[in-house]
Protein backbone atom coordinates (compact mmCIF):
# COMPACT_ATOMS: atom_id res chain seq x y z
CA ALA A 1 -34.03 63.87 2.44
CA LEU A 2 -31.03 63.05 4.87
CA GLU A 3 -30.65 58.84 4.45
CA ILE A 4 -28.75 57.47 7.67
CA PRO A 5 -27.66 54.22 6.61
CA ILE A 6 -28.80 51.21 9.18
CA GLU A 7 -26.64 48.24 9.54
CA ASP A 8 -27.92 45.06 8.22
CA TYR A 9 -29.84 42.85 11.10
CA ALA A 10 -27.76 40.52 11.05
CA THR A 11 -24.68 42.18 11.06
CA GLN A 12 -26.05 43.59 14.64
CA ILE A 13 -26.68 40.82 16.10
CA GLY A 14 -23.41 38.99 15.22
CA ARG A 15 -21.75 41.49 16.77
CA GLY A 16 -23.67 41.87 19.89
CA ASN A 17 -23.11 38.27 20.34
CA TYR A 18 -19.25 39.35 19.51
CA GLU A 19 -19.11 41.63 22.05
CA ARG A 20 -20.87 39.58 25.02
CA LEU A 21 -18.21 36.96 24.46
CA GLU A 22 -15.34 38.77 24.80
CA ILE A 23 -16.57 40.29 27.60
CA LEU A 24 -17.37 37.19 29.18
CA LYS A 25 -14.20 35.85 27.95
CA ALA A 26 -12.77 38.75 29.92
CA LYS A 27 -13.87 37.51 33.70
CA GLN A 28 -11.81 36.08 35.50
CA PHE A 29 -12.95 33.67 38.59
CA PRO A 30 -9.83 31.93 41.29
CA LYS A 31 -9.12 28.56 41.28
CA LEU A 32 -11.84 26.56 43.46
CA GLN A 33 -10.24 25.04 46.26
CA SER A 34 -11.95 21.85 48.04
CA THR A 35 -11.94 22.02 51.49
CA ASN A 36 -12.04 17.85 51.60
CA THR A 37 -8.45 17.27 50.30
CA MET A 38 -10.23 13.41 49.52
CA LEU A 39 -12.14 14.85 47.17
CA GLN A 40 -10.46 17.46 45.69
CA GLY A 41 -9.25 15.45 42.49
CA MET A 42 -12.23 14.04 41.71
CA GLU A 43 -14.31 17.72 42.17
CA ASP A 44 -11.65 18.54 39.54
CA TYR A 45 -11.57 16.37 37.26
CA ASP A 46 -15.49 16.79 36.79
CA THR A 47 -14.88 20.89 37.02
CA ASN A 48 -12.50 20.75 35.10
CA ILE A 49 -12.75 18.48 32.51
CA LEU A 50 -15.79 16.83 32.31
CA MET A 51 -18.51 19.28 29.65
CA ASP A 52 -21.49 20.05 31.57
CA VAL A 53 -24.81 18.86 29.98
CA THR A 54 -26.39 21.55 29.75
CA LEU A 55 -23.41 23.02 26.97
CA TYR A 56 -23.84 19.86 25.07
CA GLU A 57 -27.68 20.36 25.01
CA ALA A 58 -27.28 24.31 24.05
CA VAL A 59 -24.81 23.59 20.67
CA ALA A 60 -27.58 20.86 19.54
CA LYS A 61 -30.03 23.53 19.45
CA ASP A 62 -27.75 25.90 16.96
CA ASP A 63 -29.04 29.07 19.14
CA VAL A 64 -26.20 31.45 19.28
CA ASN A 65 -27.96 33.62 22.21
CA ASN A 66 -29.17 30.30 23.93
CA PHE A 67 -25.35 28.97 24.08
CA ILE A 68 -23.61 32.38 25.55
CA ASP A 69 -26.96 32.39 27.65
CA THR A 70 -25.66 28.83 28.49
CA LEU A 71 -22.10 29.82 28.72
CA GLU A 72 -22.56 32.62 30.96
CA LYS A 73 -24.48 30.43 33.65
CA VAL A 74 -22.05 27.67 33.52
CA SER A 75 -19.58 30.67 33.70
CA MET A 76 -21.30 32.33 36.59
CA ASP A 77 -22.55 28.94 38.59
CA LYS A 78 -19.32 27.17 38.60
CA GLU A 79 -16.76 30.20 38.63
CA LEU A 80 -15.25 28.62 35.76
CA ASN A 81 -13.43 31.19 33.40
CA LEU A 82 -14.41 30.55 29.34
CA ASP A 83 -11.30 29.19 28.31
CA ALA A 84 -11.56 26.59 30.94
CA ILE A 85 -14.63 25.61 30.03
CA LEU A 86 -14.23 25.29 25.94
CA ASN A 87 -11.88 22.87 27.62
CA GLN A 88 -13.92 21.13 28.44
CA MET A 89 -14.88 17.20 26.78
CA THR A 90 -17.47 14.63 26.81
CA ILE A 91 -16.47 11.31 28.38
CA SER A 92 -14.92 10.60 24.65
CA ASP A 93 -12.96 13.61 24.57
CA ASN A 94 -15.28 15.61 21.81
CA SER A 95 -15.39 19.38 22.85
CA LEU A 96 -17.98 21.66 21.87
CA LEU A 97 -16.58 21.64 18.45
CA HIS A 98 -16.57 18.35 17.72
CA LYS A 99 -20.41 18.53 19.01
CA ALA A 100 -21.67 21.32 16.97
CA ALA A 101 -19.72 19.10 14.09
CA SER A 102 -21.66 16.62 14.75
CA CYS A 103 -25.19 17.80 15.39
CA GLY A 104 -24.70 20.41 12.14
CA SER A 105 -24.79 23.59 14.07
CA VAL A 106 -22.91 26.11 11.76
CA GLU A 107 -23.25 28.96 13.93
CA ILE A 108 -21.99 27.98 16.82
CA ALA A 109 -18.72 26.37 14.91
CA GLU A 110 -18.43 29.76 13.75
CA LEU A 111 -18.63 31.02 16.48
CA ILE A 112 -16.42 29.16 18.44
CA ILE A 113 -13.89 28.73 15.85
CA ASP A 114 -13.59 32.41 15.61
CA HIS A 115 -13.05 33.33 19.36
CA PHE A 116 -11.50 29.71 20.36
CA PRO A 117 -9.07 28.15 17.26
CA PHE A 118 -7.53 26.21 19.16
CA LEU A 119 -9.85 23.83 19.38
CA VAL A 120 -9.88 23.51 15.24
CA ASN A 121 -7.30 20.81 15.76
CA ARG A 122 -8.48 19.09 18.92
CA ARG A 123 -8.67 15.64 18.61
CA ASN A 124 -11.22 13.10 20.48
CA ASN A 125 -10.44 9.47 21.73
CA LEU A 126 -10.71 8.35 17.91
CA GLY A 127 -7.97 10.81 16.66
CA ASP A 128 -11.10 12.44 14.87
CA THR A 129 -11.06 16.48 14.55
CA ALA A 130 -14.36 18.19 14.22
CA LEU A 131 -13.70 18.47 10.45
CA HIS A 132 -13.51 14.40 10.65
CA VAL A 133 -17.20 14.47 12.74
CA ALA A 134 -19.07 16.84 10.26
CA THR A 135 -17.71 14.89 7.36
CA LYS A 136 -19.10 11.17 8.61
CA ALA A 137 -22.23 13.41 10.15
CA ARG A 138 -22.61 14.54 5.91
CA LYS A 139 -23.06 18.59 7.41
CA LEU A 140 -22.20 19.60 4.21
CA ASN A 141 -22.34 23.18 6.18
CA VAL A 142 -20.15 22.72 8.94
CA VAL A 143 -17.35 20.62 6.52
CA LYS A 144 -17.28 24.31 4.69
CA VAL A 145 -17.41 26.45 7.26
CA LEU A 146 -13.96 24.19 8.94
CA VAL A 147 -12.07 24.33 5.63
CA ASP A 148 -12.69 28.25 5.16
CA LYS A 149 -12.22 28.85 8.44
CA SER A 150 -9.12 26.86 9.09
CA CYS A 151 -7.08 27.83 5.74
CA LYS A 152 -7.47 31.28 6.70
CA LEU A 153 -5.93 29.85 10.32
CA SER A 154 -2.98 27.95 9.13
CA PRO A 155 0.16 29.63 7.25
CA ALA A 156 0.96 28.52 3.88
CA ASN A 157 3.45 26.12 4.46
CA ASP A 158 2.12 24.51 7.29
CA ILE A 159 2.27 20.52 6.57
CA ASP A 160 -0.29 20.03 9.70
CA THR A 161 -3.31 21.51 8.25
CA LEU A 162 -6.94 20.46 9.31
CA SER A 163 -6.98 19.21 5.42
CA GLN A 164 -4.23 17.00 6.30
CA MET A 165 -4.46 15.40 9.88
CA LYS A 166 -5.29 11.86 9.87
CA ASN A 167 -7.41 9.89 12.79
CA HIS A 168 -6.25 6.58 14.60
CA ILE A 169 -6.70 4.31 11.50
CA GLY A 170 -4.51 7.09 9.54
CA ASN A 171 -8.03 8.12 7.89
CA THR A 172 -7.81 12.17 6.89
CA ALA A 173 -11.19 13.48 6.26
CA LEU A 174 -11.53 13.36 2.53
CA HIS A 175 -10.60 9.46 3.26
CA GLU A 176 -14.27 9.47 5.00
CA ALA A 177 -15.90 11.80 2.26
CA VAL A 178 -14.75 9.19 -0.31
CA MET A 179 -15.96 6.23 1.74
CA ALA A 180 -18.73 7.82 2.60
CA ALA A 181 -19.43 9.05 -1.17
CA PHE A 182 -20.03 12.28 -0.19
CA SER A 183 -19.43 13.91 -3.09
CA ASP A 184 -20.15 17.96 -2.13
CA ALA A 185 -17.70 17.40 0.65
CA ILE A 186 -15.35 15.32 -1.30
CA SER A 187 -15.12 18.67 -3.65
CA SER A 188 -14.59 21.11 -1.25
CA LEU A 189 -11.92 18.95 0.77
CA PHE A 190 -10.12 18.02 -2.71
CA LEU A 191 -10.00 22.11 -3.39
CA ALA A 192 -8.63 22.69 -0.38
CA ASN A 193 -5.87 20.80 -1.10
CA PRO A 194 -5.69 18.53 -3.55
CA LYS A 195 -2.13 16.20 -2.53
CA VAL A 196 -4.81 15.18 0.39
CA SER A 197 -6.14 12.54 -2.56
CA TYR A 198 -3.05 10.35 -2.58
CA TYR A 199 -2.23 10.34 1.22
CA LEU A 200 -2.18 6.61 2.64
CA ASN A 201 -3.96 5.59 5.67
CA GLU A 202 -3.40 2.75 8.06
CA LYS A 203 -4.18 0.24 5.44
CA GLY A 204 -2.23 1.29 2.63
CA GLU A 205 -5.50 3.24 1.02
CA SER A 206 -5.14 6.82 -0.59
CA PRO A 207 -8.63 8.78 -1.15
CA LEU A 208 -8.07 7.97 -4.65
CA ARG A 209 -7.65 4.34 -4.57
CA LEU A 210 -10.49 4.11 -1.85
CA ALA A 211 -12.56 5.93 -5.08
CA ILE A 212 -11.01 3.39 -7.22
CA GLU A 213 -12.73 0.42 -5.37
CA THR A 214 -16.17 1.76 -5.02
CA GLY A 215 -15.79 2.11 -8.74
CA LYS A 216 -18.03 5.38 -8.70
CA LYS A 217 -16.99 7.03 -11.44
CA GLU A 218 -18.70 10.88 -10.32
CA ILE A 219 -16.17 10.62 -7.15
CA LEU A 220 -13.21 9.67 -9.27
CA GLU A 221 -13.79 12.24 -11.56
CA LEU A 222 -13.67 14.82 -8.49
CA LEU A 223 -10.34 13.78 -7.91
CA LEU A 224 -8.62 13.96 -11.28
CA LYS A 225 -9.87 17.04 -12.36
CA VAL A 226 -7.21 19.91 -11.06
CA PRO A 227 -4.38 19.11 -13.61
CA GLY A 228 -0.69 19.22 -11.88
CA VAL A 229 -1.97 17.91 -8.64
CA TYR A 230 -0.27 15.04 -9.23
CA ASP A 231 3.12 15.49 -10.44
CA GLY A 232 4.27 14.79 -7.12
CA LEU A 233 3.66 11.55 -6.78
CA VAL A 234 6.98 11.01 -8.97
CA GLY A 235 9.21 8.70 -6.68
CA ARG A 236 6.22 8.14 -3.97
CA PRO A 237 5.20 4.85 -2.93
CA GLN A 238 3.31 3.11 -5.60
CA GLU A 239 0.31 2.59 -3.55
CA GLU A 240 -0.34 6.53 -3.62
CA SER A 241 -1.36 6.76 -7.77
CA PRO A 242 -4.76 5.63 -9.04
CA VAL A 243 -2.63 4.55 -11.83
CA TYR A 244 -1.54 1.48 -9.91
CA ALA A 245 -4.30 1.23 -7.58
CA ALA A 246 -6.29 0.62 -10.49
CA ILE A 247 -3.95 -2.01 -11.86
CA LEU A 248 -3.79 -3.97 -8.39
CA MET A 249 -7.82 -3.63 -8.33
CA LYS A 250 -7.56 -4.74 -12.52
CA ARG A 251 -10.17 -2.05 -13.12
CA LYS A 252 -9.41 -1.71 -16.97
CA GLY A 253 -12.13 0.59 -17.43
CA ILE A 254 -11.31 2.86 -14.83
CA LEU A 255 -7.63 3.22 -16.45
CA GLU A 256 -8.80 3.62 -20.30
CA GLU A 257 -11.83 6.06 -19.42
CA GLU A 258 -10.72 7.84 -16.71
CA ILE A 259 -7.59 8.21 -15.87
CA PHE A 260 -6.26 7.57 -19.23
CA MET A 261 -8.29 10.19 -20.99
CA LYS A 262 -8.83 13.09 -17.86
CA CYS A 263 -4.63 12.86 -16.63
CA PRO A 264 -2.75 10.20 -19.30
CA LYS A 265 0.38 11.90 -17.59
CA LEU A 266 -0.38 9.65 -14.30
CA PHE A 267 1.32 6.87 -16.45
CA LEU A 268 4.45 8.36 -17.07
CA ILE A 269 5.26 8.22 -12.89
CA ARG A 270 7.35 5.89 -11.62
CA ASP A 271 7.54 4.51 -8.19
CA LYS A 272 10.82 5.12 -5.71
CA LYS A 273 12.43 2.19 -7.47
CA ARG A 274 12.25 3.79 -10.76
CA ARG A 275 9.07 0.97 -11.62
CA THR A 276 7.08 1.77 -14.20
CA PRO A 277 2.88 1.06 -14.59
CA LEU A 278 3.72 -1.75 -16.94
CA HIS A 279 6.11 -3.34 -14.57
CA PHE A 280 3.73 -3.34 -12.01
CA ALA A 281 0.98 -5.01 -14.07
CA ALA A 282 3.44 -7.79 -14.63
CA SER A 283 4.29 -8.43 -11.40
CA LYS A 284 0.54 -8.93 -10.65
CA GLY A 285 -0.10 -10.97 -13.96
CA TYR A 286 -2.38 -8.28 -15.08
CA THR A 287 -2.08 -9.49 -18.62
CA ASP A 288 -5.32 -7.01 -19.86
CA GLY A 289 -3.48 -4.26 -18.14
CA VAL A 290 -0.18 -4.88 -19.60
CA ARG A 291 -2.22 -4.98 -23.12
CA PHE A 292 -3.14 -1.77 -22.88
CA LEU A 293 -0.49 -0.07 -21.35
CA LEU A 294 2.04 -1.68 -24.24
CA SER A 295 -0.90 -0.16 -26.51
CA LYS A 296 -0.36 3.24 -25.18
CA PHE A 297 3.39 3.11 -23.59
CA GLY A 298 4.86 1.00 -25.27
CA GLN A 299 8.36 2.17 -24.34
CA GLN A 300 7.69 0.86 -21.22
CA ALA A 301 8.67 -2.50 -22.10
CA LEU A 302 12.51 -0.98 -22.27
CA GLN A 303 12.64 0.67 -19.09
CA ARG A 304 14.53 -0.21 -15.99
CA SER A 305 13.89 0.13 -12.43
CA THR A 306 17.06 0.49 -10.42
CA SER A 307 17.81 -2.71 -10.20
CA GLY A 308 17.59 -3.03 -13.61
CA ASP A 309 15.15 -5.09 -14.65
CA PHE A 310 12.85 -4.59 -17.27
CA PRO A 311 8.93 -5.53 -17.00
CA ILE A 312 9.56 -9.34 -18.79
CA HIS A 313 12.00 -9.55 -16.09
CA ILE A 314 9.49 -8.92 -13.36
CA ALA A 315 7.08 -11.09 -14.98
CA SER A 316 9.50 -14.34 -15.62
CA LYS A 317 10.20 -14.03 -11.90
CA LYS A 318 6.80 -14.25 -11.32
CA GLY A 319 6.09 -17.15 -13.39
CA HIS A 320 3.25 -15.19 -15.40
CA ILE A 321 4.02 -16.66 -18.68
CA LYS A 322 0.99 -15.13 -20.19
CA ILE A 323 2.56 -11.85 -20.20
CA VAL A 324 5.77 -13.25 -20.71
CA GLU A 325 4.75 -14.57 -23.94
CA LYS A 326 2.77 -11.06 -25.14
CA LEU A 327 6.28 -9.16 -24.56
CA LEU A 328 8.02 -11.82 -26.06
CA GLU A 329 5.95 -10.44 -29.05
CA GLN A 330 7.38 -6.90 -29.18
CA GLN A 331 10.18 -5.71 -31.41
CA TRP A 332 13.13 -6.79 -29.40
CA PRO A 333 16.71 -5.86 -29.35
CA ASN A 334 18.84 -8.60 -29.12
CA PRO A 335 18.04 -10.58 -26.01
CA LEU A 336 20.64 -11.09 -24.67
CA GLU A 337 21.13 -7.03 -24.25
CA LEU A 338 18.40 -7.34 -22.17
CA LEU A 339 19.86 -7.96 -18.32
CA ASN A 340 19.97 -6.37 -15.18
CA LYS A 341 22.11 -4.84 -12.84
CA LYS A 342 23.06 -8.49 -12.11
CA GLY A 343 24.28 -8.82 -15.91
CA GLN A 344 20.48 -11.77 -16.01
CA ASN A 345 18.59 -12.33 -19.06
CA ILE A 346 15.21 -13.92 -18.37
CA LEU A 347 15.91 -17.58 -18.20
CA HIS A 348 18.33 -16.42 -15.60
CA VAL A 349 15.68 -14.83 -13.04
CA ALA A 350 12.76 -17.64 -14.04
CA ALA A 351 16.04 -19.97 -13.30
CA GLU A 352 16.86 -18.71 -9.74
CA ARG A 353 13.29 -18.10 -8.75
CA GLY A 354 12.25 -21.84 -10.04
CA LYS A 355 9.81 -21.00 -12.50
CA ASN A 356 9.38 -23.82 -14.64
CA ASN A 357 6.55 -22.99 -16.86
CA VAL A 358 8.75 -19.69 -17.99
CA VAL A 359 12.08 -21.86 -18.77
CA LYS A 360 10.31 -24.11 -21.12
CA CYS A 361 8.73 -21.06 -23.02
CA ILE A 362 12.45 -19.78 -23.28
CA LEU A 363 13.59 -22.94 -24.10
CA LYS A 364 11.06 -23.24 -26.98
CA HIS A 365 11.15 -19.95 -28.41
CA PRO A 366 13.14 -20.24 -31.66
CA LYS A 367 14.51 -17.02 -31.41
CA LEU A 368 15.68 -17.07 -27.23
CA GLU A 369 18.29 -19.91 -27.80
CA GLU A 370 20.98 -17.36 -27.22
CA LEU A 371 20.00 -17.42 -23.72
CA LEU A 372 20.57 -20.80 -22.35
CA ASN A 373 24.19 -20.97 -21.90
CA ALA A 374 24.66 -17.28 -21.23
CA GLU A 375 26.79 -15.87 -18.28
CA ASP A 376 25.85 -13.25 -15.14
CA LYS A 377 28.46 -10.79 -14.01
CA ASN A 378 29.40 -14.01 -11.76
CA GLY A 379 30.00 -16.05 -14.79
CA ASN A 380 26.37 -18.11 -13.64
CA THR A 381 23.58 -20.35 -16.65
CA ALA A 382 20.72 -19.97 -15.32
CA LEU A 383 21.78 -24.29 -14.83
CA HIS A 384 23.58 -22.63 -11.85
CA LEU A 385 21.44 -20.55 -10.60
CA ALA A 386 18.59 -23.43 -10.58
CA SER A 387 21.09 -25.66 -8.80
CA MET A 388 21.70 -23.20 -6.10
CA ASN A 389 18.42 -22.72 -5.50
CA LEU A 390 17.53 -26.70 -5.67
CA HIS A 391 14.93 -25.79 -8.06
CA PRO A 392 14.68 -29.91 -9.28
CA MET A 393 12.00 -29.17 -12.11
CA VAL A 394 13.97 -26.21 -13.51
CA LEU A 395 17.24 -28.27 -13.46
CA CYS A 396 15.32 -31.23 -15.33
CA SER A 397 14.22 -28.86 -17.79
CA LEU A 398 17.57 -27.28 -18.57
CA THR A 399 19.19 -30.47 -18.06
CA TRP A 400 17.45 -32.75 -20.56
CA ASP A 401 17.85 -30.15 -23.03
CA GLU A 402 20.66 -31.10 -25.25
CA ARG A 403 22.20 -27.38 -26.25
CA VAL A 404 22.70 -26.73 -22.26
CA ASP A 405 26.35 -27.31 -21.66
CA LEU A 406 26.53 -29.32 -17.62
CA LYS A 407 30.16 -28.52 -17.70
CA ARG A 408 30.11 -24.22 -18.32
CA LYS A 409 31.59 -23.11 -15.11
CA ASN A 410 31.25 -20.00 -13.17
CA LYS A 411 33.66 -17.29 -12.19
CA GLN A 412 34.31 -19.34 -9.28
CA GLY A 413 35.55 -22.31 -11.68
CA LEU A 414 32.08 -24.15 -10.76
CA THR A 415 29.78 -26.27 -12.38
CA ALA A 416 26.50 -26.46 -11.95
CA LYS A 417 26.83 -29.82 -9.87
CA ASP A 418 29.96 -28.01 -8.20
CA THR A 419 27.63 -25.27 -6.92
CA VAL A 420 24.83 -27.97 -5.29
CA LEU A 421 27.97 -29.34 -3.20
CA GLN A 422 29.25 -26.69 -2.03
CA ILE A 423 25.41 -25.68 -0.01
CA GLN A 424 26.29 -26.23 3.73
CA THR A 425 23.48 -23.74 4.71
CA ASN A 426 21.44 -24.41 8.10
CA SER A 427 17.60 -26.09 7.56
CA ILE A 428 18.76 -26.68 3.36
CA ALA A 429 18.37 -29.76 1.85
CA ARG A 430 21.41 -30.57 -0.93
CA LYS A 431 20.16 -32.35 -3.71
CA VAL A 432 22.18 -34.39 -6.86
CA TRP A 433 19.93 -36.00 -9.40
CA HIS A 434 21.99 -38.21 -11.16
CA LEU A 435 20.18 -40.78 -14.29
CA THR A 436 22.26 -43.85 -15.01
CA SER A 437 20.62 -47.28 -16.32
CA GLY A 438 16.78 -46.06 -15.64
CA ASP A 439 18.03 -45.61 -11.78
CA PHE A 440 16.75 -42.41 -10.21
CA ILE A 441 19.53 -41.93 -7.36
CA GLU A 442 19.50 -38.94 -5.43
CA TYR A 443 21.68 -38.11 -2.63
CA ILE A 444 20.45 -35.81 -0.25
CA TYR A 445 22.27 -33.59 3.15
CA VAL A 446 19.63 -32.21 5.46
CA VAL A 447 21.82 -29.92 8.13
CA TRP A 448 19.36 -29.68 11.27
CA GLN A 449 21.58 -27.67 14.39
CA PRO A 450 23.27 -29.46 14.83
CA ARG A 451 23.54 -32.74 13.60
CA LEU A 452 23.40 -33.65 9.77
CA ARG A 453 21.20 -36.74 8.36
CA PRO A 454 22.23 -38.49 5.40
CA TYR A 455 20.42 -40.33 2.59
CA LYS A 456 21.09 -42.50 -0.08
CA VAL A 457 17.82 -42.90 -2.50
CA LEU A 458 18.30 -46.14 -5.23
CA GLN A 459 14.27 -46.14 -5.35
CA PRO A 460 11.72 -43.65 -6.45
CA PRO A 461 9.57 -44.62 -3.33
CA GLU A 462 11.80 -44.18 -1.33
CA ALA A 463 13.22 -40.60 -2.65
CA LEU A 464 9.42 -39.60 -1.86
CA LYS A 465 10.02 -39.71 1.59
CA ALA A 466 13.56 -38.20 1.24
CA LEU A 467 12.57 -35.10 -1.08
CA THR A 468 9.86 -34.24 2.03
CA THR A 469 13.30 -33.13 3.75
CA CYS A 470 13.54 -30.54 1.41
CA LYS A 471 13.52 -26.64 2.35
CA GLN A 472 12.57 -27.01 5.97
CA SER A 473 11.66 -29.71 8.92
CA PRO A 474 9.08 -32.41 8.17
CA SER A 475 7.42 -31.89 11.17
CA THR A 476 6.90 -27.96 10.04
CA MET A 477 5.58 -28.65 6.47
CA THR A 478 1.79 -28.91 5.77
CA SER A 479 0.38 -31.87 3.94
CA LYS A 480 -0.16 -29.77 1.08
CA ARG A 481 3.39 -29.48 0.41
CA LEU A 482 3.92 -32.82 1.17
CA SER A 483 1.80 -33.75 -1.19
CA SER A 484 3.33 -31.79 -3.93
CA LEU A 485 6.86 -32.57 -3.47
CA ALA A 486 6.16 -36.14 -3.74
CA ASN A 487 4.12 -35.68 -7.03
CA SER A 488 7.00 -33.51 -8.20
CA THR A 489 9.54 -36.51 -6.95
CA ALA A 490 7.16 -39.06 -8.78
CA ARG A 491 7.01 -37.25 -12.00
CA LEU A 492 10.49 -36.57 -11.77
CA ALA A 493 11.45 -40.64 -11.75
CA ALA A 494 9.13 -41.32 -14.09
CA LYS A 495 10.14 -39.24 -16.81
CA ALA A 496 14.33 -39.46 -15.78
CA SER A 497 13.52 -43.23 -16.11
CA ALA A 498 11.95 -42.85 -19.59
CA ILE A 499 14.45 -40.52 -20.79
CA SER A 500 18.04 -42.22 -19.89
CA THR A 501 16.85 -44.97 -21.58
CA GLU A 502 16.03 -42.95 -24.53
CA ARG A 503 19.20 -40.38 -24.11
CA GLY A 504 21.53 -42.48 -21.96
CA ARG A 505 22.94 -38.82 -20.42
CA PRO A 506 23.30 -38.22 -17.09
CA ILE A 507 22.14 -35.15 -15.54
CA PHE A 508 25.58 -34.32 -14.02
């Protein structure tokens, strides 16, 4: 018997709906003209902008036949072309595709995308595309349809594909999926465009970082499973890398068990200033992270940033004493060789930033004596830099050490004392300490534009008051800052009296 092939019923229905919609799209109506010019603007707005409620309701039912019937009725009743109807929005600027996405109306979403693809990238008043809306509403089938069809619509080199589009707070659909812990959507979105996993929102958060914040390992595993996708992170902002995010949040378990085990190459990525993960961990004072990185990537301890800083420079600048001590345990070359581009060693940078805890640590270290009088490219010693930047506690630590040469001159022929006397900056105090016969004598010249107020302080109680003028106007200083300076000066005064009696040595 002769068999006649019969089309699948669903295919026939689909073809019928397609043809109905094409016929409807071909219908043209003249532009409506209002006889009342006073009302014309309002009528045009209501007719051409705001969506008909019956369409909204038809989309929610996800019945394609009913939806097309409703489109046809609205078109005939209001004499509107189909394109005009599909351009209508709700009061929140949602299109019919947004509505289909929020309701999970898969068949209608497919129909709209096939016939009106311009709606795929349409945003509402929150900047959300239909993909954002479907993700937030946890409508997986619509997410898959949007991802699949948008990939076919967009050229391969199109940088503004649907998955990359951000809303008003900078979130992609993948950001929203991670925040909602919507694993199935995460998988679909990530596989469609893996690079989106390190895109930053307005808060500087990538989907990877959000995954680390949630602490949900299954989400992080999804985002780390495609090999080679993160090669593009080289030289990009450090906030995009999951390694930096884990360091920032001090998640050692994620560093060791997730990122290192699944994608160890990420630890070799540097940011745009050529800083390694060890630089970053050192800057954040993350001791456990530093230990882990030294155990797995010890070579990073001797890698420089673009400014020439080693990780130990960064820790010294920040005053992270435990990390400095840990890094000093490494097998270093000659300490004098660990210099940044300014020719500064770790004592230089600690003194310049006023990190007295690091300065004292270096002074006590038996192998670092060569650093005490070492000069940078400008001939400045650590004492010069402490003087230039007005760090009293560092000055005392250095000057009270017999090994420090107080008369050493820089390339300008200036001693540390000379550099203090040269400071003439508005709103900056000039200080000179001098110890003689147990007296604490301080000269402070504070420059307040346009007047100059001199102080000559002979007694410690008065020195407490004088020091409050340091760095900023007393009227703008907080009580905490005043108290800190007062306590600092009191300690200096007591120490000065004791040491000057013992050593008879002036600071300058």
